[in-house]
Protein backbone atom coordinates (compact mmCIF):
# COMPACT_ATOMS: atom_id res chain seq x y z
CA UNK A 1 92.08 114.11 159.50
CA UNK A 2 93.11 110.98 161.33
CA UNK A 3 96.59 109.47 161.00
CA UNK A 4 95.12 106.06 160.20
CA UNK A 5 93.43 107.57 157.11
CA UNK A 6 96.71 108.82 155.63
CA UNK A 7 98.64 105.55 155.35
CA UNK A 8 101.54 107.32 157.09
CA UNK A 9 103.14 106.94 160.50
CA UNK A 10 103.57 109.70 163.06
CA UNK A 11 107.28 109.72 162.18
CA UNK A 12 106.42 110.14 158.48
CA UNK A 13 104.41 113.25 159.37
CA UNK A 14 107.25 114.65 161.48
CA UNK A 15 109.72 113.98 158.66
CA UNK A 16 107.51 115.82 156.16
CA UNK A 17 107.21 118.80 158.49
CA UNK A 18 110.98 118.89 158.92
CA UNK A 19 111.49 118.70 155.16
CA UNK A 20 108.84 121.10 153.88
CA UNK A 21 108.25 123.66 156.64
CA UNK A 22 110.46 126.42 157.96
CA UNK A 23 111.32 125.84 161.60
CA UNK A 24 110.37 128.99 163.48
CA UNK A 25 109.99 127.30 166.86
CA UNK A 26 110.76 123.97 168.47
CA UNK A 27 107.85 121.55 168.25
CA UNK A 28 106.57 119.28 171.00
CA UNK A 29 107.25 115.62 170.27
CA UNK A 30 103.66 114.52 169.80
CA UNK A 31 101.17 114.49 166.95
CA UNK A 32 98.03 116.44 167.85
CA UNK A 33 95.24 114.60 166.05
CA UNK A 34 92.03 115.70 167.76
CA UNK A 35 90.98 118.07 170.51
CA UNK A 36 88.03 118.62 172.82
CA UNK A 37 87.60 121.40 175.36
CA UNK A 38 90.85 121.75 177.32
CA UNK A 39 92.53 118.60 175.98
CA UNK A 40 94.48 117.77 172.82
CA UNK A 41 94.78 114.08 171.92
CA UNK A 42 97.53 112.32 170.01
CA UNK A 43 97.05 109.54 167.45
CA UNK A 44 96.92 106.97 170.29
CA UNK A 45 94.25 108.82 172.25
CA UNK A 46 96.68 110.11 174.89
CA UNK A 47 95.32 113.33 176.41
CA UNK A 48 97.44 116.46 176.86
CA UNK A 49 96.16 119.39 178.89
CA UNK A 50 96.21 122.37 176.54
CA UNK A 51 97.67 125.39 178.33
CA UNK A 52 98.27 127.28 175.10
CA UNK A 53 95.94 129.87 173.65
CA UNK A 54 97.47 129.58 170.21
CA UNK A 55 99.54 132.19 168.50
CA UNK A 56 97.61 135.46 168.10
CA UNK A 57 94.27 133.78 168.77
CA UNK A 58 91.95 133.43 171.71
CA UNK A 59 91.61 130.63 174.23
CA UNK A 60 88.18 129.20 173.53
CA UNK A 61 89.25 125.61 174.11
CA UNK A 62 88.83 123.00 171.43
CA UNK A 63 85.61 121.89 169.79
CA UNK A 64 83.40 123.39 172.49
CA UNK A 65 79.85 122.84 171.21
CA UNK A 66 78.77 126.46 171.70
CA UNK A 67 81.88 127.81 169.96
CA UNK A 68 81.57 125.33 167.06
CA UNK A 69 77.89 126.23 166.59
CA UNK A 70 78.66 129.95 166.63
CA UNK A 71 81.50 129.57 164.12
CA UNK A 72 79.39 127.42 161.79
CA UNK A 73 76.62 129.97 161.94
CA UNK A 74 78.92 132.93 161.32
CA UNK A 75 80.94 131.51 158.42
CA UNK A 76 77.67 131.21 156.50
CA UNK A 77 77.51 135.03 156.52
CA UNK A 78 81.05 136.42 156.72
CA UNK A 79 84.11 134.33 157.50
CA UNK A 80 86.67 137.13 157.64
CA UNK A 81 86.76 140.82 156.99
CA UNK A 82 88.97 143.79 157.68
CA UNK A 83 88.27 146.51 160.26
CA UNK A 84 87.03 149.26 157.91
CA UNK A 85 83.38 148.22 157.63
CA UNK A 86 81.20 147.74 160.68
CA UNK A 87 80.22 144.14 161.31
CA UNK A 88 77.50 143.04 163.70
CA UNK A 89 79.46 140.24 165.46
CA UNK A 90 82.52 142.45 165.95
CA UNK A 91 80.45 145.30 167.31
CA UNK A 92 78.48 143.08 169.68
CA UNK A 93 81.63 141.35 170.89
CA UNK A 94 83.35 144.68 171.49
CA UNK A 95 80.43 145.76 173.64
């Protein structure tokens, strides 16, 4: 979702976050609007080098074509499951 489509300003978004979300960590003072490979872009198109792997996730970059295609393909079968059944992608990845 793009900021221009919301009718809000970046400050409006920050204010909503401060009002409705529990602060568990200090945020960076920019609005991440899009991402591609190793960069995250704010609402003005300013690029930020993304050194973070996320919290409890992997570091596959952002919107890498191969990763996006693999995710789109997989969510058509199973989006999420627990570790009790065997799943083909999990087993192949573990190998």
